[in-house]
PDB file of all heavy atoms in Angstrom:
ATOM      1  N   ASP A   1     123.178 105.387  96.612  1.00  0.00           N
ATOM      2  CA  ASP A   1     123.872 104.405  97.451  1.00  0.00           C
ATOM      3  C   ASP A   1     123.941 103.032  96.794  1.00  0.00           C
ATOM      4  O   ASP A   1     124.218 102.033  97.453  1.00  0.00           O
ATOM      5  CB  ASP A   1     123.178 104.298  98.808  1.00  0.00           C
ATOM      6  CG  ASP A   1     123.413 105.517  99.682  1.00  0.00           C
ATOM      7  OD1 ASP A   1     124.284 106.342  99.335  1.00  0.00           O
ATOM      8  OD2 ASP A   1     122.740 105.636 100.717  1.00  0.00           O
ATOM      9  N   ARG A   2     123.636 102.986  95.498  1.00  0.00           N
ATOM     10  CA  ARG A   2     123.736 101.756  94.697  1.00  0.00           C
ATOM     11  C   ARG A   2     122.785 100.653  95.150  1.00  0.00           C
ATOM     12  O   ARG A   2     123.085  99.459  95.021  1.00  0.00           O
ATOM     13  CB  ARG A   2     125.176 101.246  94.681  1.00  0.00           C
ATOM     14  CG  ARG A   2     126.178 102.250  94.111  1.00  0.00           C
ATOM     15  CD  ARG A   2     127.582 101.676  94.058  1.00  0.00           C
ATOM     16  NE  ARG A   2     128.531 102.662  93.565  1.00  0.00           N
ATOM     17  CZ  ARG A   2     128.747 102.938  92.277  1.00  0.00           C
ATOM     18  NH1 ARG A   2     128.060 102.289  91.363  1.00  0.00           N
ATOM     19  NH2 ARG A   2     129.630 103.846  91.917  1.00  0.00           N
ATOM     20  N   VAL A   3     121.663 101.034  95.716  1.00  0.00           N
ATOM     21  CA  VAL A   3     120.612 100.066  96.044  1.00  0.00           C
ATOM     22  C   VAL A   3     119.739  99.903  94.809  1.00  0.00           C
ATOM     23  O   VAL A   3     119.121 100.864  94.349  1.00  0.00           O
ATOM     24  CB  VAL A   3     119.765 100.537  97.247  1.00  0.00           C
ATOM     25  CG1 VAL A   3     118.616  99.569  97.498  1.00  0.00           C
ATOM     26  CG2 VAL A   3     120.647 100.660  98.482  1.00  0.00           C
ATOM     27  N   ARG A   4     119.678  98.687  94.272  1.00  0.00           N
ATOM     28  CA  ARG A   4     118.990  98.441  92.995  1.00  0.00           C
ATOM     29  C   ARG A   4     117.593  97.844  93.154  1.00  0.00           C
ATOM     30  O   ARG A   4     117.024  97.349  92.181  1.00  0.00           O
ATOM     31  CB  ARG A   4     119.855  97.517  92.133  1.00  0.00           C
ATOM     32  CG  ARG A   4     121.238  98.091  91.829  1.00  0.00           C
ATOM     33  CD  ARG A   4     121.133  99.445  91.171  1.00  0.00           C
ATOM     34  NE  ARG A   4     122.437 100.049  90.919  1.00  0.00           N
ATOM     35  CZ  ARG A   4     122.606 101.319  90.605  1.00  0.00           C
ATOM     36  NH1 ARG A   4     121.552 102.107  90.517  1.00  0.00           N
ATOM     37  NH2 ARG A   4     123.816 101.795  90.386  1.00  0.00           N
ATOM     38  N   THR A   5     117.052  97.893  94.346  1.00  0.00           N
ATOM     39  CA  THR A   5     115.701  97.365  94.562  1.00  0.00           C
ATOM     40  C   THR A   5     114.728  98.002  93.562  1.00  0.00           C
ATOM     41  O   THR A   5     114.653  99.232  93.469  1.00  0.00           O
ATOM     42  CB  THR A   5     115.217  97.690  95.982  1.00  0.00           C
ATOM     43  OG1 THR A   5     116.110  97.119  96.931  1.00  0.00           O
ATOM     44  CG2 THR A   5     113.812  97.150  96.213  1.00  0.00           C
ATOM     45  N   PRO A   6     113.973  97.217  92.800  1.00  0.00           N
ATOM     46  CA  PRO A   6     112.991  97.795  91.882  1.00  0.00           C
ATOM     47  C   PRO A   6     111.952  98.613  92.650  1.00  0.00           C
ATOM     48  O   PRO A   6     111.471  98.185  93.702  1.00  0.00           O
ATOM     49  CB  PRO A   6     112.345  96.573  91.231  1.00  0.00           C
ATOM     50  CG  PRO A   6     113.369  95.485  91.366  1.00  0.00           C
ATOM     51  CD  PRO A   6     114.038  95.745  92.683  1.00  0.00           C
ATOM     52  N   VAL A   7     111.611  99.796  92.121  1.00  0.00           N
ATOM     53  CA  VAL A   7     110.698 100.711  92.809  1.00  0.00           C
ATOM     54  C   VAL A   7     109.527 101.075  91.909  1.00  0.00           C
ATOM     55  O   VAL A   7     109.715 101.450  90.747  1.00  0.00           O
ATOM     56  CB  VAL A   7     111.418 101.999  93.249  1.00  0.00           C
ATOM     57  CG1 VAL A   7     110.427 102.972  93.887  1.00  0.00           C
ATOM     58  CG2 VAL A   7     112.555 101.687  94.215  1.00  0.00           C
ATOM     59  N   ILE A   8     108.317 100.973  92.477  1.00  0.00           N
ATOM     60  CA  ILE A   8     107.114 101.483  91.819  1.00  0.00           C
ATOM     61  C   ILE A   8     106.695 102.751  92.552  1.00  0.00           C
ATOM     62  O   ILE A   8     106.470 102.729  93.765  1.00  0.00           O
ATOM     63  CB  ILE A   8     105.963 100.459  91.859  1.00  0.00           C
ATOM     64  CG1 ILE A   8     106.358  99.182  91.117  1.00  0.00           C
ATOM     65  CG2 ILE A   8     104.692 101.063  91.241  1.00  0.00           C
ATOM     66  CD1 ILE A   8     105.296  98.092  91.179  1.00  0.00           C
ATOM     67  N   ILE A   9     106.610 103.850  91.831  1.00  0.00           N
ATOM     68  CA  ILE A   9     106.163 105.114  92.408  1.00  0.00           C
ATOM     69  C   ILE A   9     104.640 105.199  92.331  1.00  0.00           C
ATOM     70  O   ILE A   9     104.041 104.898  91.298  1.00  0.00           O
ATOM     71  CB  ILE A   9     106.777 106.305  91.648  1.00  0.00           C
ATOM     72  CG1 ILE A   9     108.273 106.436  91.980  1.00  0.00           C
ATOM     73  CG2 ILE A   9     106.056 107.604  91.973  1.00  0.00           C
ATOM     74  CD1 ILE A   9     108.554 106.935  93.366  1.00  0.00           C
ATOM     75  N   LEU A  10     104.011 105.604  93.438  1.00  0.00           N
ATOM     76  CA  LEU A  10     102.574 105.869  93.462  1.00  0.00           C
ATOM     77  C   LEU A  10     102.361 107.379  93.548  1.00  0.00           C
ATOM     78  O   LEU A  10     103.030 108.050  94.344  1.00  0.00           O
ATOM     79  CB  LEU A  10     101.916 105.200  94.666  1.00  0.00           C
ATOM     80  CG  LEU A  10     102.030 103.688  94.787  1.00  0.00           C
ATOM     81  CD1 LEU A  10     101.320 103.218  96.051  1.00  0.00           C
ATOM     82  CD2 LEU A  10     101.456 102.993  93.560  1.00  0.00           C
ATOM     83  N   SER A  11     101.448 107.895  92.759  1.00  0.00           N
ATOM     84  CA  SER A  11     101.221 109.342  92.799  1.00  0.00           C
ATOM     85  C   SER A  11      99.835 109.683  92.277  1.00  0.00           C
ATOM     86  O   SER A  11      99.294 109.011  91.398  1.00  0.00           O
ATOM     87  CB  SER A  11     102.272 110.069  91.952  1.00  0.00           C
ATOM     88  OG  SER A  11     102.028 111.455  91.929  1.00  0.00           O
ATOM     89  N   ALA A  12      99.270 110.761  92.831  1.00  0.00           N
ATOM     90  CA  ALA A  12      98.004 111.286  92.328  1.00  0.00           C
ATOM     91  C   ALA A  12      98.234 112.189  91.117  1.00  0.00           C
ATOM     92  O   ALA A  12      97.293 112.595  90.449  1.00  0.00           O
ATOM     93  CB  ALA A  12      97.290 112.068  93.430  1.00  0.00           C
ATOM     94  N   ARG A  13      99.499 112.502  90.845  1.00  0.00           N
ATOM     95  CA  ARG A  13      99.845 113.353  89.703  1.00  0.00           C
ATOM     96  C   ARG A  13      99.799 112.535  88.424  1.00  0.00           C
ATOM     97  O   ARG A  13     100.472 111.513  88.317  1.00  0.00           O
ATOM     98  CB  ARG A  13     101.239 113.940  89.903  1.00  0.00           C
ATOM     99  CG  ARG A  13     101.367 114.791  91.165  1.00  0.00           C
ATOM    100  CD  ARG A  13     102.814 115.147  91.425  1.00  0.00           C
ATOM    101  NE  ARG A  13     102.965 115.952  92.636  1.00  0.00           N
ATOM    102  CZ  ARG A  13     104.136 116.251  93.173  1.00  0.00           C
ATOM    103  NH1 ARG A  13     105.265 115.812  92.614  1.00  0.00           N
ATOM    104  NH2 ARG A  13     104.198 117.000  94.275  1.00  0.00           N
ATOM    105  N   ARG A  14      99.022 112.996  87.465  1.00  0.00           N
ATOM    106  CA  ARG A  14      98.759 112.197  86.274  1.00  0.00           C
ATOM    107  C   ARG A  14      99.458 112.695  85.013  1.00  0.00           C
ATOM    108  O   ARG A  14      99.394 112.048  83.979  1.00  0.00           O
ATOM    109  CB  ARG A  14      97.249 112.159  85.999  1.00  0.00           C
ATOM    110  CG  ARG A  14      96.467 111.420  87.070  1.00  0.00           C
ATOM    111  CD  ARG A  14      94.972 111.515  86.846  1.00  0.00           C
ATOM    112  NE  ARG A  14      94.245 110.619  87.735  1.00  0.00           N
ATOM    113  CZ  ARG A  14      93.961 109.355  87.467  1.00  0.00           C
ATOM    114  NH1 ARG A  14      94.337 108.840  86.319  1.00  0.00           N
ATOM    115  NH2 ARG A  14      93.307 108.603  88.324  1.00  0.00           N
ATOM    116  N   SER A  15     100.106 113.860  85.067  1.00  0.00           N
ATOM    117  CA  SER A  15     100.688 114.416  83.849  1.00  0.00           C
ATOM    118  C   SER A  15     101.873 113.583  83.373  1.00  0.00           C
ATOM    119  O   SER A  15     102.544 112.906  84.162  1.00  0.00           O
ATOM    120  CB  SER A  15     101.143 115.858  84.073  1.00  0.00           C
ATOM    121  OG  SER A  15     102.322 115.902  84.842  1.00  0.00           O
ATOM    122  N   ILE A  16     102.136 113.651  82.077  1.00  0.00           N
ATOM    123  CA  ILE A  16     103.263 112.926  81.499  1.00  0.00           C
ATOM    124  C   ILE A  16     104.575 113.427  82.083  1.00  0.00           C
ATOM    125  O   ILE A  16     105.486 112.642  82.362  1.00  0.00           O
ATOM    126  CB  ILE A  16     103.262 113.077  79.961  1.00  0.00           C
ATOM    127  CG1 ILE A  16     102.044 112.356  79.367  1.00  0.00           C
ATOM    128  CG2 ILE A  16     104.554 112.514  79.366  1.00  0.00           C
ATOM    129  CD1 ILE A  16     101.913 112.496  77.874  1.00  0.00           C
ATOM    130  N   ASP A  17     104.663 114.742  82.310  1.00  0.00           N
ATOM    131  CA  ASP A  17     105.893 115.308  82.878  1.00  0.00           C
ATOM    132  C   ASP A  17     106.189 114.728  84.253  1.00  0.00           C
ATOM    133  O   ASP A  17     107.349 114.459  84.589  1.00  0.00           O
ATOM    134  CB  ASP A  17     105.786 116.835  82.971  1.00  0.00           C
ATOM    135  CG  ASP A  17     105.895 117.507  81.603  1.00  0.00           C
ATOM    136  OD1 ASP A  17     106.360 116.845  80.651  1.00  0.00           O
ATOM    137  OD2 ASP A  17     105.510 118.689  81.490  1.00  0.00           O
ATOM    138  N   ASP A  18     105.132 114.553  85.071  1.00  0.00           N
ATOM    139  CA  ASP A  18     105.332 113.979  86.398  1.00  0.00           C
ATOM    140  C   ASP A  18     105.813 112.534  86.301  1.00  0.00           C
ATOM    141  O   ASP A  18     106.669 112.103  87.073  1.00  0.00           O
ATOM    142  CB  ASP A  18     104.033 114.041  87.209  1.00  0.00           C
ATOM    143  CG  ASP A  18     103.707 115.450  87.674  1.00  0.00           C
ATOM    144  OD1 ASP A  18     104.652 116.185  88.009  1.00  0.00           O
ATOM    145  OD2 ASP A  18     102.521 115.806  87.702  1.00  0.00           O
ATOM    146  N   ARG A  19     105.256 111.790  85.351  1.00  0.00           N
ATOM    147  CA  ARG A  19     105.681 110.401  85.178  1.00  0.00           C
ATOM    148  C   ARG A  19     107.141 110.336  84.732  1.00  0.00           C
ATOM    149  O   ARG A  19     107.916 109.517  85.231  1.00  0.00           O
ATOM    150  CB  ARG A  19     104.788 109.705  84.155  1.00  0.00           C
ATOM    151  CG  ARG A  19     103.339 109.584  84.581  1.00  0.00           C
ATOM    152  CD  ARG A  19     102.535 108.781  83.581  1.00  0.00           C
ATOM    153  NE  ARG A  19     101.112 108.799  83.888  1.00  0.00           N
ATOM    154  CZ  ARG A  19     100.212 108.086  83.262  1.00  0.00           C
ATOM    155  NH1 ARG A  19     100.575 107.288  82.272  1.00  0.00           N
ATOM    156  NH2 ARG A  19      98.939 108.159  83.599  1.00  0.00           N
ATOM    157  N   ILE A  20     107.493 111.190  83.799  1.00  0.00           N
ATOM    158  CA  ILE A  20     108.870 111.215  83.311  1.00  0.00           C
ATOM    159  C   ILE A  20     109.828 111.573  84.444  1.00  0.00           C
ATOM    160  O   ILE A  20     110.890 110.957  84.603  1.00  0.00           O
ATOM    161  CB  ILE A  20     109.016 112.221  82.152  1.00  0.00           C
ATOM    162  CG1 ILE A  20     108.253 111.698  80.923  1.00  0.00           C
ATOM    163  CG2 ILE A  20     110.488 112.449  81.803  1.00  0.00           C
ATOM    164  CD1 ILE A  20     108.210 112.678  79.772  1.00  0.00           C
ATOM    165  N   LYS A  21     109.451 112.564  85.251  1.00  0.00           N
ATOM    166  CA  LYS A  21     110.291 112.972  86.378  1.00  0.00           C
ATOM    167  C   LYS A  21     110.487 111.813  87.344  1.00  0.00           C
ATOM    168  O   LYS A  21     111.597 111.565  87.833  1.00  0.00           O
ATOM    169  CB  LYS A  21     109.661 114.156  87.105  1.00  0.00           C
ATOM    170  CG  LYS A  21     110.509 114.697  88.251  1.00  0.00           C
ATOM    171  CD  LYS A  21     109.835 115.901  88.900  1.00  0.00           C
ATOM    172  CE  LYS A  21     110.677 116.428  90.065  1.00  0.00           C
ATOM    173  NZ  LYS A  21     110.033 117.598  90.718  1.00  0.00           N
ATOM    174  N   GLY A  22     109.399 111.082  87.631  1.00  0.00           N
ATOM    175  CA  GLY A  22     109.486 109.952  88.540  1.00  0.00           C
ATOM    176  C   GLY A  22     110.422 108.869  88.020  1.00  0.00           C
ATOM    177  O   GLY A  22     111.234 108.320  88.770  1.00  0.00           O
ATOM    178  N   LEU A  23     110.353 108.582  86.729  1.00  0.00           N
ATOM    179  CA  LEU A  23     111.208 107.551  86.146  1.00  0.00           C
ATOM    180  C   LEU A  23     112.661 108.005  86.065  1.00  0.00           C
ATOM    181  O   LEU A  23     113.581 107.208  86.225  1.00  0.00           O
ATOM    182  CB  LEU A  23     110.687 107.160  84.762  1.00  0.00           C
ATOM    183  CG  LEU A  23     109.305 106.476  84.761  1.00  0.00           C
ATOM    184  CD1 LEU A  23     108.801 106.300  83.339  1.00  0.00           C
ATOM    185  CD2 LEU A  23     109.357 105.127  85.471  1.00  0.00           C
ATOM    186  N   HIS A  24     112.857 109.308  85.858  1.00  0.00           N
ATOM    187  CA  HIS A  24     114.219 109.828  85.771  1.00  0.00           C
ATOM    188  C   HIS A  24     114.943 109.805  87.116  1.00  0.00           C
ATOM    189  O   HIS A  24     116.172 109.840  87.164  1.00  0.00           O
ATOM    190  CB  HIS A  24     114.206 111.257  85.222  1.00  0.00           C
ATOM    191  CG  HIS A  24     114.114 111.298  83.723  1.00  0.00           C
ATOM    192  ND1 HIS A  24     113.956 112.460  83.000  1.00  0.00           N
ATOM    193  CD2 HIS A  24     114.166 110.299  82.799  1.00  0.00           C
ATOM    194  CE1 HIS A  24     113.908 112.189  81.711  1.00  0.00           C
ATOM    195  NE2 HIS A  24     114.027 110.878  81.564  1.00  0.00           N
ATOM    196  N   THR A  25     114.197 109.768  88.204  1.00  0.00           N
ATOM    197  CA  THR A  25     114.851 109.699  89.514  1.00  0.00           C
ATOM    198  C   THR A  25     115.479 108.332  89.764  1.00  0.00           C
ATOM    199  O   THR A  25     116.297 108.182  90.663  1.00  0.00           O
ATOM    200  CB  THR A  25     113.849 109.973  90.659  1.00  0.00           C
ATOM    201  OG1 THR A  25     112.849 108.955  90.664  1.00  0.00           O
ATOM    202  CG2 THR A  25     113.220 111.350  90.516  1.00  0.00           C
ATOM    203  N   GLY A  26     115.053 107.346  88.961  1.00  0.00           N
ATOM    204  CA  GLY A  26     115.572 105.998  89.151  1.00  0.00           C
ATOM    205  C   GLY A  26     114.495 104.985  89.458  1.00  0.00           C
ATOM    206  O   GLY A  26     114.790 103.803  89.666  1.00  0.00           O
ATOM    207  N   ALA A  27     113.226 105.430  89.497  1.00  0.00           N
ATOM    208  CA  ALA A  27     112.121 104.489  89.702  1.00  0.00           C
ATOM    209  C   ALA A  27     111.976 103.592  88.479  1.00  0.00           C
ATOM    210  O   ALA A  27     112.359 103.952  87.372  1.00  0.00           O
ATOM    211  CB  ALA A  27     110.825 105.245  89.958  1.00  0.00           C
TER     212      ALA A  27
END
């Protein structure tokens, strides 16, 4: 919806793949 609010994702998942997935969503 073109909302550009900066987002910090919080997660108990520590793997690199999880971090990459989170950043790829737009976080």
